[in-house]
Amino acid sequence: MKPNVGNVDRIIRLLLGIGMLSLIALSDNNLRWLGLVGLIPLFTGIKGWCPLYAMLGVSTCTVAGEND
């Protein structure tokens, strides 16, 4: 699995995942289970690889020597 998630994208995914997971503790209604969806951006942010990006051929990683 070649990394396809860049640094800025990773930070956004990590923050989004943590924010969504916080719904489990902070919400008393059915939205709390929506917080489990936060595991997806959290996992992809930690691993640096997104299966959807891989299927679509998208990468937000910077490539060394790209602008040479």
C-alpha atoms as a PDB file:
ATOM      1  CA  MET A   1       0.000   0.000   0.000  1.00  0.00           C
ATOM      2  CA  LYS A   2       1.708   3.113  -1.287  1.00  0.00           C
ATOM      3  CA  PRO A   3       0.823   6.225   0.776  1.00  0.00           C
ATOM      4  CA  ASN A   4      -1.656   8.467  -1.034  1.00  0.00           C
ATOM      5  CA  VAL A   5      -2.681  10.895   1.746  1.00  0.00           C
ATOM      6  CA  GLY A   6      -0.575  14.024   2.187  1.00  0.00           C
ATOM      7  CA  ASN A   7       0.315  15.732   5.470  1.00  0.00           C
ATOM      8  CA  VAL A   8      -2.413  18.389   5.404  1.00  0.00           C
ATOM      9  CA  ASP A   9      -4.983  15.788   4.390  1.00  0.00           C
ATOM     10  CA  ARG A  10      -3.814  13.516   7.229  1.00  0.00           C
ATOM     11  CA  ILE A  11      -4.190  16.272   9.825  1.00  0.00           C
ATOM     12  CA  ILE A  12      -7.694  17.090   8.589  1.00  0.00           C
ATOM     13  CA  ARG A  13      -8.663  13.406   8.668  1.00  0.00           C
ATOM     14  CA  LEU A  14      -7.282  12.942  12.186  1.00  0.00           C
ATOM     15  CA  LEU A  15      -9.124  15.989  13.528  1.00  0.00           C
ATOM     16  CA  LEU A  16     -12.336  14.998  11.761  1.00  0.00           C
ATOM     17  CA  GLY A  17     -12.095  11.441  13.086  1.00  0.00           C
ATOM     18  CA  ILE A  18     -11.493  12.572  16.655  1.00  0.00           C
ATOM     19  CA  GLY A  19     -14.320  15.106  16.384  1.00  0.00           C
ATOM     20  CA  MET A  20     -16.764  12.504  15.097  1.00  0.00           C
ATOM     21  CA  LEU A  21     -15.728   9.982  17.743  1.00  0.00           C
ATOM     22  CA  SER A  22     -16.397  12.592  20.417  1.00  0.00           C
ATOM     23  CA  LEU A  23     -20.093  12.383  19.452  1.00  0.00           C
ATOM     24  CA  ILE A  24     -20.190   9.027  21.229  1.00  0.00           C
ATOM     25  CA  ALA A  25     -19.410  10.660  24.571  1.00  0.00           C
ATOM     26  CA  LEU A  26     -21.119  14.012  24.077  1.00  0.00           C
ATOM     27  CA  SER A  27     -24.446  13.122  22.462  1.00  0.00           C
ATOM     28  CA  ASP A  28     -27.439  11.457  24.096  1.00  0.00           C
ATOM     29  CA  ASN A  29     -29.494  10.763  20.967  1.00  0.00           C
ATOM     30  CA  ASN A  30     -29.047   8.594  17.885  1.00  0.00           C
ATOM     31  CA  LEU A  31     -26.280  10.851  16.542  1.00  0.00           C
ATOM     32  CA  ARG A  32     -23.880   9.233  18.984  1.00  0.00           C
ATOM     33  CA  TRP A  33     -23.633   6.110  16.831  1.00  0.00           C
ATOM     34  CA  LEU A  34     -22.809   8.260  13.830  1.00  0.00           C
ATOM     35  CA  GLY A  35     -19.612   8.957  15.731  1.00  0.00           C
ATOM     36  CA  LEU A  36     -18.389   5.457  14.900  1.00  0.00           C
ATOM     37  CA  VAL A  37     -18.041   6.610  11.290  1.00  0.00           C
ATOM     38  CA  GLY A  38     -15.183   8.714  12.666  1.00  0.00           C
ATOM     39  CA  LEU A  39     -13.084   5.543  12.757  1.00  0.00           C
ATOM     40  CA  ILE A  40     -12.747   5.707   8.963  1.00  0.00           C
ATOM     41  CA  PRO A  41     -11.010   9.108   8.660  1.00  0.00           C
ATOM     42  CA  LEU A  42      -9.042   8.369  11.836  1.00  0.00           C
ATOM     43  CA  PHE A  43      -7.730   5.082  10.410  1.00  0.00           C
ATOM     44  CA  THR A  44      -6.911   6.565   6.993  1.00  0.00           C
ATOM     45  CA  GLY A  45      -5.168   9.516   8.651  1.00  0.00           C
ATOM     46  CA  ILE A  46      -3.025   7.239  10.794  1.00  0.00           C
ATOM     47  CA  LYS A  47      -2.127   4.866   7.957  1.00  0.00           C
ATOM     48  CA  GLY A  48      -1.652   7.581   5.321  1.00  0.00           C
ATOM     49  CA  TRP A  49      -3.522   5.460   2.783  1.00  0.00           C
ATOM     50  CA  CYS A  50      -7.107   5.854   1.603  1.00  0.00           C
ATOM     51  CA  PRO A  51      -8.781   3.007  -0.324  1.00  0.00           C
ATOM     52  CA  LEU A  52     -11.128   5.429  -2.094  1.00  0.00           C
ATOM     53  CA  TYR A  53      -8.174   7.535  -3.273  1.00  0.00           C
ATOM     54  CA  ALA A  54      -6.484   4.346  -4.486  1.00  0.00           C
ATOM     55  CA  MET A  55      -9.543   3.302  -6.511  1.00  0.00           C
ATOM     56  CA  LEU A  56      -9.857   6.762  -8.063  1.00  0.00           C
ATOM     57  CA  GLY A  57      -6.115   7.158  -8.665  1.00  0.00           C
ATOM     58  CA  VAL A  58      -5.930  10.276  -6.488  1.00  0.00           C
ATOM     59  CA  SER A  59      -2.964  11.214  -4.301  1.00  0.00           C
ATOM     60  CA  THR A  60      -2.414  14.274  -2.121  1.00  0.00           C
ATOM     61  CA  CYS A  61       1.187  13.281  -1.312  1.00  0.00           C
ATOM     62  CA  THR A  62       3.949  15.457  -2.597  1.00  0.00           C
ATOM     63  CA  VAL A  63       6.484  13.694  -4.782  1.00  0.00           C
ATOM     64  CA  ALA A  64      10.185  14.434  -4.291  1.00  0.00           C
ATOM     65  CA  GLY A  65      11.679  16.048  -7.375  1.00  0.00           C
ATOM     66  CA  GLU A  66       8.270  16.738  -8.922  1.00  0.00           C
ATOM     67  CA  ASN A  67       9.077  20.375  -9.740  1.00  0.00           C
ATOM     68  CA  ASP A  68      12.580  19.743 -11.107  1.00  0.00           C
END
